[in-house]
Amino acid sequence: MLQTSVISQEANLVTVRMSRRRWNHLQKLEESYKVAASIRKGMKQAEKAPAMSMEEAIEALRAL
């Protein structure tokens, strides 16, 4: 199994060597994090939004 190792490191750049499987796993984790952050942001917006009746909510959705 290929170990992750740092090839070079500069002030703003790091080059690493890792297996394709580990890279794909890291990519999936990053995408999951982005989705979770979007959901959390939406939940915070929903908490701050004024309460709506069913009719107001349907009308707001239709306006989208």
PDB file of N, CA and C in Angstrom:
ATOM      1  N   MET A   1       0.840  -1.187   0.000  1.00  0.00           N
ATOM      2  CA  MET A   1       0.000   0.000   0.000  1.00  0.00           C
ATOM      3  C   MET A   1       0.881   1.246   0.000  1.00  0.00           C
ATOM      4  N   LEU A   2       0.533   2.194  -0.818  1.00  0.00           N
ATOM      5  CA  LEU A   2       1.291   3.430  -0.950  1.00  0.00           C
ATOM      6  C   LEU A   2       0.980   4.361   0.213  1.00  0.00           C
ATOM      7  N   GLN A   3       1.990   4.779   0.928  1.00  0.00           N
ATOM      8  CA  GLN A   3       1.809   5.702   2.043  1.00  0.00           C
ATOM      9  C   GLN A   3       1.738   7.122   1.517  1.00  0.00           C
ATOM     10  N   THR A   4       1.016   7.959   2.221  1.00  0.00           N
ATOM     11  CA  THR A   4       0.968   9.369   1.878  1.00  0.00           C
ATOM     12  C   THR A   4       2.260  10.016   2.363  1.00  0.00           C
ATOM     13  N   SER A   5       2.914  10.748   1.478  1.00  0.00           N
ATOM     14  CA  SER A   5       4.155  11.400   1.875  1.00  0.00           C
ATOM     15  C   SER A   5       4.244  12.773   1.227  1.00  0.00           C
ATOM     16  N   VAL A   6       4.870  13.676   1.933  1.00  0.00           N
ATOM     17  CA  VAL A   6       5.058  15.033   1.430  1.00  0.00           C
ATOM     18  C   VAL A   6       6.278  15.034   0.514  1.00  0.00           C
ATOM     19  N   ILE A   7       6.079  15.474  -0.718  1.00  0.00           N
ATOM     20  CA  ILE A   7       7.168  15.544  -1.688  1.00  0.00           C
ATOM     21  C   ILE A   7       7.914  16.866  -1.539  1.00  0.00           C
ATOM     22  N   SER A   8       7.143  17.960  -1.487  1.00  0.00           N
ATOM     23  CA  SER A   8       7.745  19.277  -1.298  1.00  0.00           C
ATOM     24  C   SER A   8       6.754  20.172  -0.562  1.00  0.00           C
ATOM     25  N   GLN A   9       7.313  21.184   0.090  1.00  0.00           N
ATOM     26  CA  GLN A   9       6.470  22.102   0.846  1.00  0.00           C
ATOM     27  C   GLN A   9       7.044  23.500   0.743  1.00  0.00           C
ATOM     28  N   GLU A  10       6.178  24.434   0.332  1.00  0.00           N
ATOM     29  CA  GLU A  10       6.566  25.836   0.230  1.00  0.00           C
ATOM     30  C   GLU A  10       5.599  26.644   1.085  1.00  0.00           C
ATOM     31  N   ALA A  11       5.682  27.948   1.012  1.00  0.00           N
ATOM     32  CA  ALA A  11       4.836  28.803   1.853  1.00  0.00           C
ATOM     33  C   ALA A  11       3.347  28.550   1.607  1.00  0.00           C
ATOM     34  N   ASN A  12       2.940  28.458   0.346  1.00  0.00           N
ATOM     35  CA  ASN A  12       1.523  28.307   0.018  1.00  0.00           C
ATOM     36  C   ASN A  12       1.226  27.072  -0.820  1.00  0.00           C
ATOM     37  N   LEU A  13       2.136  26.125  -0.865  1.00  0.00           N
ATOM     38  CA  LEU A  13       1.967  24.973  -1.747  1.00  0.00           C
ATOM     39  C   LEU A  13       2.592  23.734  -1.122  1.00  0.00           C
ATOM     40  N   VAL A  14       1.825  22.650  -1.136  1.00  0.00           N
ATOM     41  CA  VAL A  14       2.334  21.365  -0.652  1.00  0.00           C
ATOM     42  C   VAL A  14       2.088  20.338  -1.738  1.00  0.00           C
ATOM     43  N   THR A  15       3.084  19.550  -2.069  1.00  0.00           N
ATOM     44  CA  THR A  15       2.941  18.470  -3.031  1.00  0.00           C
ATOM     45  C   THR A  15       3.049  17.158  -2.268  1.00  0.00           C
ATOM     46  N   VAL A  16       2.046  16.290  -2.451  1.00  0.00           N
ATOM     47  CA  VAL A  16       2.049  15.006  -1.749  1.00  0.00           C
ATOM     48  C   VAL A  16       1.907  13.865  -2.737  1.00  0.00           C
ATOM     49  N   ARG A  17       2.298  12.682  -2.291  1.00  0.00           N
ATOM     50  CA  ARG A  17       2.118  11.466  -3.074  1.00  0.00           C
ATOM     51  C   ARG A  17       1.187  10.583  -2.265  1.00  0.00           C
ATOM     52  N   MET A  18       0.083  10.134  -2.917  1.00  0.00           N
ATOM     53  CA  MET A  18      -0.867   9.257  -2.239  1.00  0.00           C
ATOM     54  C   MET A  18      -1.545   8.365  -3.259  1.00  0.00           C
ATOM     55  N   SER A  19      -2.185   7.334  -2.770  1.00  0.00           N
ATOM     56  CA  SER A  19      -2.867   6.412  -3.670  1.00  0.00           C
ATOM     57  C   SER A  19      -4.099   7.083  -4.274  1.00  0.00           C
ATOM     58  N   ARG A  20      -4.497   6.586  -5.421  1.00  0.00           N
ATOM     59  CA  ARG A  20      -5.686   7.100  -6.096  1.00  0.00           C
ATOM     60  C   ARG A  20      -6.919   6.895  -5.211  1.00  0.00           C
ATOM     61  N   ARG A  21      -6.969   5.749  -4.526  1.00  0.00           N
ATOM     62  CA  ARG A  21      -8.103   5.437  -3.654  1.00  0.00           C
ATOM     63  C   ARG A  21      -8.226   6.472  -2.537  1.00  0.00           C
ATOM     64  N   ARG A  22      -7.097   6.813  -1.911  1.00  0.00           N
ATOM     65  CA  ARG A  22      -7.122   7.814  -0.830  1.00  0.00           C
ATOM     66  C   ARG A  22      -7.515   9.178  -1.377  1.00  0.00           C
ATOM     67  N   TRP A  23      -7.008   9.557  -2.541  1.00  0.00           N
ATOM     68  CA  TRP A  23      -7.349  10.839  -3.155  1.00  0.00           C
ATOM     69  C   TRP A  23      -8.855  10.913  -3.422  1.00  0.00           C
ATOM     70  N   ASN A  24      -9.424   9.846  -3.979  1.00  0.00           N
ATOM     71  CA  ASN A  24     -10.867   9.825  -4.252  1.00  0.00           C
ATOM     72  C   ASN A  24     -11.667   9.940  -2.958  1.00  0.00           C
ATOM     73  N   HIS A  25     -11.180   9.273  -1.915  1.00  0.00           N
ATOM     74  CA  HIS A  25     -11.850   9.349  -0.619  1.00  0.00           C
ATOM     75  C   HIS A  25     -11.823  10.780  -0.083  1.00  0.00           C
ATOM     76  N   LEU A  26     -10.690  11.443  -0.186  1.00  0.00           N
ATOM     77  CA  LEU A  26     -10.582  12.836   0.262  1.00  0.00           C
ATOM     78  C   LEU A  26     -11.495  13.745  -0.549  1.00  0.00           C
ATOM     79  N   GLN A  27     -11.614  13.496  -1.853  1.00  0.00           N
ATOM     80  CA  GLN A  27     -12.501  14.289  -2.699  1.00  0.00           C
ATOM     81  C   GLN A  27     -13.959  14.122  -2.262  1.00  0.00           C
ATOM     82  N   LYS A  28     -14.356  12.890  -1.948  1.00  0.00           N
ATOM     83  CA  LYS A  28     -15.727  12.632  -1.490  1.00  0.00           C
ATOM     84  C   LYS A  28     -15.991  13.307  -0.152  1.00  0.00           C
ATOM     85  N   LEU A  29     -15.006  13.263   0.746  1.00  0.00           N
ATOM     86  CA  LEU A  29     -15.157  13.929   2.033  1.00  0.00           C
ATOM     87  C   LEU A  29     -15.316  15.433   1.859  1.00  0.00           C
ATOM     88  N   GLU A  30     -14.544  16.013   0.960  1.00  0.00           N
ATOM     89  CA  GLU A  30     -14.631  17.449   0.714  1.00  0.00           C
ATOM     90  C   GLU A  30     -16.000  17.815   0.149  1.00  0.00           C
ATOM     91  N   GLU A  31     -16.511  17.022  -0.777  1.00  0.00           N
ATOM     92  CA  GLU A  31     -17.834  17.285  -1.352  1.00  0.00           C
ATOM     93  C   GLU A  31     -18.916  17.151  -0.283  1.00  0.00           C
ATOM     94  N   SER A  32     -18.802  16.154   0.574  1.00  0.00           N
ATOM     95  CA  SER A  32     -19.762  15.972   1.669  1.00  0.00           C
ATOM     96  C   SER A  32     -19.736  17.172   2.608  1.00  0.00           C
ATOM     97  N   TYR A  33     -18.553  17.680   2.879  1.00  0.00           N
ATOM     98  CA  TYR A  33     -18.418  18.857   3.742  1.00  0.00           C
ATOM     99  C   TYR A  33     -19.117  20.067   3.126  1.00  0.00           C
ATOM    100  N   LYS A  34     -18.940  20.248   1.816  1.00  0.00           N
ATOM    101  CA  LYS A  34     -19.574  21.387   1.147  1.00  0.00           C
ATOM    102  C   LYS A  34     -21.098  21.281   1.201  1.00  0.00           C
ATOM    103  N   VAL A  35     -21.623  20.080   0.991  1.00  0.00           N
ATOM    104  CA  VAL A  35     -23.072  19.870   1.053  1.00  0.00           C
ATOM    105  C   VAL A  35     -23.577  20.137   2.469  1.00  0.00           C
ATOM    106  N   ALA A  36     -22.864  19.620   3.465  1.00  0.00           N
ATOM    107  CA  ALA A  36     -23.271  19.823   4.858  1.00  0.00           C
ATOM    108  C   ALA A  36     -23.241  21.308   5.230  1.00  0.00           C
ATOM    109  N   ALA A  37     -22.241  22.032   4.761  1.00  0.00           N
ATOM    110  CA  ALA A  37     -22.153  23.468   5.044  1.00  0.00           C
ATOM    111  C   ALA A  37     -23.322  24.211   4.406  1.00  0.00           C
ATOM    112  N   SER A  38     -23.715  23.822   3.197  1.00  0.00           N
ATOM    113  CA  SER A  38     -24.861  24.448   2.533  1.00  0.00           C
ATOM    114  C   SER A  38     -26.152  24.165   3.289  1.00  0.00           C
ATOM    115  N   ILE A  39     -26.308  22.938   3.748  1.00  0.00           N
ATOM    116  CA  ILE A  39     -27.506  22.575   4.517  1.00  0.00           C
ATOM    117  C   ILE A  39     -27.556  23.369   5.811  1.00  0.00           C
ATOM    118  N   ARG A  40     -26.426  23.459   6.488  1.00  0.00           N
ATOM    119  CA  ARG A  40     -26.373  24.205   7.752  1.00  0.00           C
ATOM    120  C   ARG A  40     -26.706  25.674   7.519  1.00  0.00           C
ATOM    121  N   LYS A  41     -26.181  26.260   6.455  1.00  0.00           N
ATOM    122  CA  LYS A  41     -26.473  27.654   6.137  1.00  0.00           C
ATOM    123  C   LYS A  41     -27.968  27.841   5.890  1.00  0.00           C
ATOM    124  N   GLY A  42     -28.574  26.912   5.148  1.00  0.00           N
ATOM    125  CA  GLY A  42     -30.007  26.974   4.886  1.00  0.00           C
ATOM    126  C   GLY A  42     -30.832  26.841   6.154  1.00  0.00           C
ATOM    127  N   MET A  43     -30.391  25.973   7.064  1.00  0.00           N
ATOM    128  CA  MET A  43     -31.113  25.803   8.329  1.00  0.00           C
ATOM    129  C   MET A  43     -31.058  27.075   9.169  1.00  0.00           C
ATOM    130  N   LYS A  44     -29.909  27.743   9.184  1.00  0.00           N
ATOM    131  CA  LYS A  44     -29.797  29.005   9.923  1.00  0.00           C
ATOM    132  C   LYS A  44     -30.696  30.073   9.312  1.00  0.00           C
ATOM    133  N   GLN A  45     -30.761  30.117   7.970  1.00  0.00           N
ATOM    134  CA  GLN A  45     -31.636  31.081   7.304  1.00  0.00           C
ATOM    135  C   GLN A  45     -33.096  30.787   7.630  1.00  0.00           C
ATOM    136  N   ALA A  46     -33.456  29.514   7.679  1.00  0.00           N
ATOM    137  CA  ALA A  46     -34.835  29.130   7.978  1.00  0.00           C
ATOM    138  C   ALA A  46     -35.213  29.511   9.405  1.00  0.00           C
ATOM    139  N   GLU A  47     -34.269  29.406  10.336  1.00  0.00           N
ATOM    140  CA  GLU A  47     -34.549  29.782  11.721  1.00  0.00           C
ATOM    141  C   GLU A  47     -34.826  31.272  11.850  1.00  0.00           C
ATOM    142  N   LYS A  48     -34.158  32.084  11.040  1.00  0.00           N
ATOM    143  CA  LYS A  48     -34.312  33.539  11.119  1.00  0.00           C
ATOM    144  C   LYS A  48     -35.513  34.045  10.325  1.00  0.00           C
ATOM    145  N   ALA A  49     -36.007  33.242   9.403  1.00  0.00           N
ATOM    146  CA  ALA A  49     -37.114  33.677   8.541  1.00  0.00           C
ATOM    147  C   ALA A  49     -38.415  33.735   9.340  1.00  0.00           C
ATOM    148  N   PRO A  50     -39.281  34.676   8.978  1.00  0.00           N
ATOM    149  CA  PRO A  50     -40.569  34.747   9.673  1.00  0.00           C
ATOM    150  C   PRO A  50     -41.435  33.531   9.345  1.00  0.00           C
ATOM    151  N   ALA A  51     -42.283  33.159  10.303  1.00  0.00           N
ATOM    152  CA  ALA A  51     -43.183  32.018  10.099  1.00  0.00           C
ATOM    153  C   ALA A  51     -44.194  32.347   9.002  1.00  0.00           C
ATOM    154  N   MET A  52     -44.552  31.338   8.203  1.00  0.00           N
ATOM    155  CA  MET A  52     -45.514  31.524   7.107  1.00  0.00           C
ATOM    156  C   MET A  52     -46.665  30.546   7.281  1.00  0.00           C
ATOM    157  N   SER A  53     -47.806  30.967   6.761  1.00  0.00           N
ATOM    158  CA  SER A  53     -48.924  30.033   6.698  1.00  0.00           C
ATOM    159  C   SER A  53     -48.687  29.098   5.517  1.00  0.00           C
ATOM    160  N   MET A  54     -49.477  28.057   5.414  1.00  0.00           N
ATOM    161  CA  MET A  54     -49.343  27.113   4.307  1.00  0.00           C
ATOM    162  C   MET A  54     -49.529  27.818   2.965  1.00  0.00           C
ATOM    163  N   GLU A  55     -50.508  28.710   2.891  1.00  0.00           N
ATOM    164  CA  GLU A  55     -50.777  29.429   1.637  1.00  0.00           C
ATOM    165  C   GLU A  55     -49.614  30.345   1.261  1.00  0.00           C
ATOM    166  N   GLU A  56     -49.036  31.029   2.259  1.00  0.00           N
ATOM    167  CA  GLU A  56     -47.896  31.915   1.996  1.00  0.00           C
ATOM    168  C   GLU A  56     -46.691  31.110   1.506  1.00  0.00           C
ATOM    169  N   ALA A  57     -46.463  29.961   2.101  1.00  0.00           N
ATOM    170  CA  ALA A  57     -45.336  29.111   1.707  1.00  0.00           C
ATOM    171  C   ALA A  57     -45.506  28.608   0.275  1.00  0.00           C
ATOM    172  N   ILE A  58     -46.708  28.172  -0.069  1.00  0.00           N
ATOM    173  CA  ILE A  58     -46.963  27.687  -1.436  1.00  0.00           C
ATOM    174  C   ILE A  58     -46.787  28.820  -2.421  1.00  0.00           C
ATOM    175  N   GLU A  59     -47.274  30.001  -2.092  1.00  0.00           N
ATOM    176  CA  GLU A  59     -47.132  31.155  -2.991  1.00  0.00           C
ATOM    177  C   GLU A  59     -45.666  31.523  -3.160  1.00  0.00           C
ATOM    178  N   ALA A  60     -44.871  31.453  -2.089  1.00  0.00           N
ATOM    179  CA  ALA A  60     -43.433  31.764  -2.176  1.00  0.00           C
ATOM    180  C   ALA A  60     -42.724  30.756  -3.066  1.00  0.00           C
ATOM    181  N   LEU A  61     -43.099  29.480  -2.951  1.00  0.00           N
ATOM    182  CA  LEU A  61     -42.489  28.451  -3.809  1.00  0.00           C
ATOM    183  C   LEU A  61     -42.870  28.657  -5.272  1.00  0.00           C
ATOM    184  N   ARG A  62     -44.095  29.015  -5.523  1.00  0.00           N
ATOM    185  CA  ARG A  62     -44.517  29.278  -6.914  1.00  0.00           C
ATOM    186  C   ARG A  62     -43.799  30.473  -7.518  1.00  0.00           C
ATOM    187  N   ALA A  63     -43.456  31.437  -6.681  1.00  0.00           N
ATOM    188  CA  ALA A  63     -42.760  32.633  -7.162  1.00  0.00           C
ATOM    189  C   ALA A  63     -41.315  32.345  -7.565  1.00  0.00           C
ATOM    190  N   LEU A  64     -40.783  31.208  -7.103  1.00  0.00           N
ATOM    191  CA  LEU A  64     -39.407  30.849  -7.485  1.00  0.00           C
ATOM    192  C   LEU A  64     -39.401  30.466  -8.943  1.00  0.00           C
TER     193      LEU A  64
END
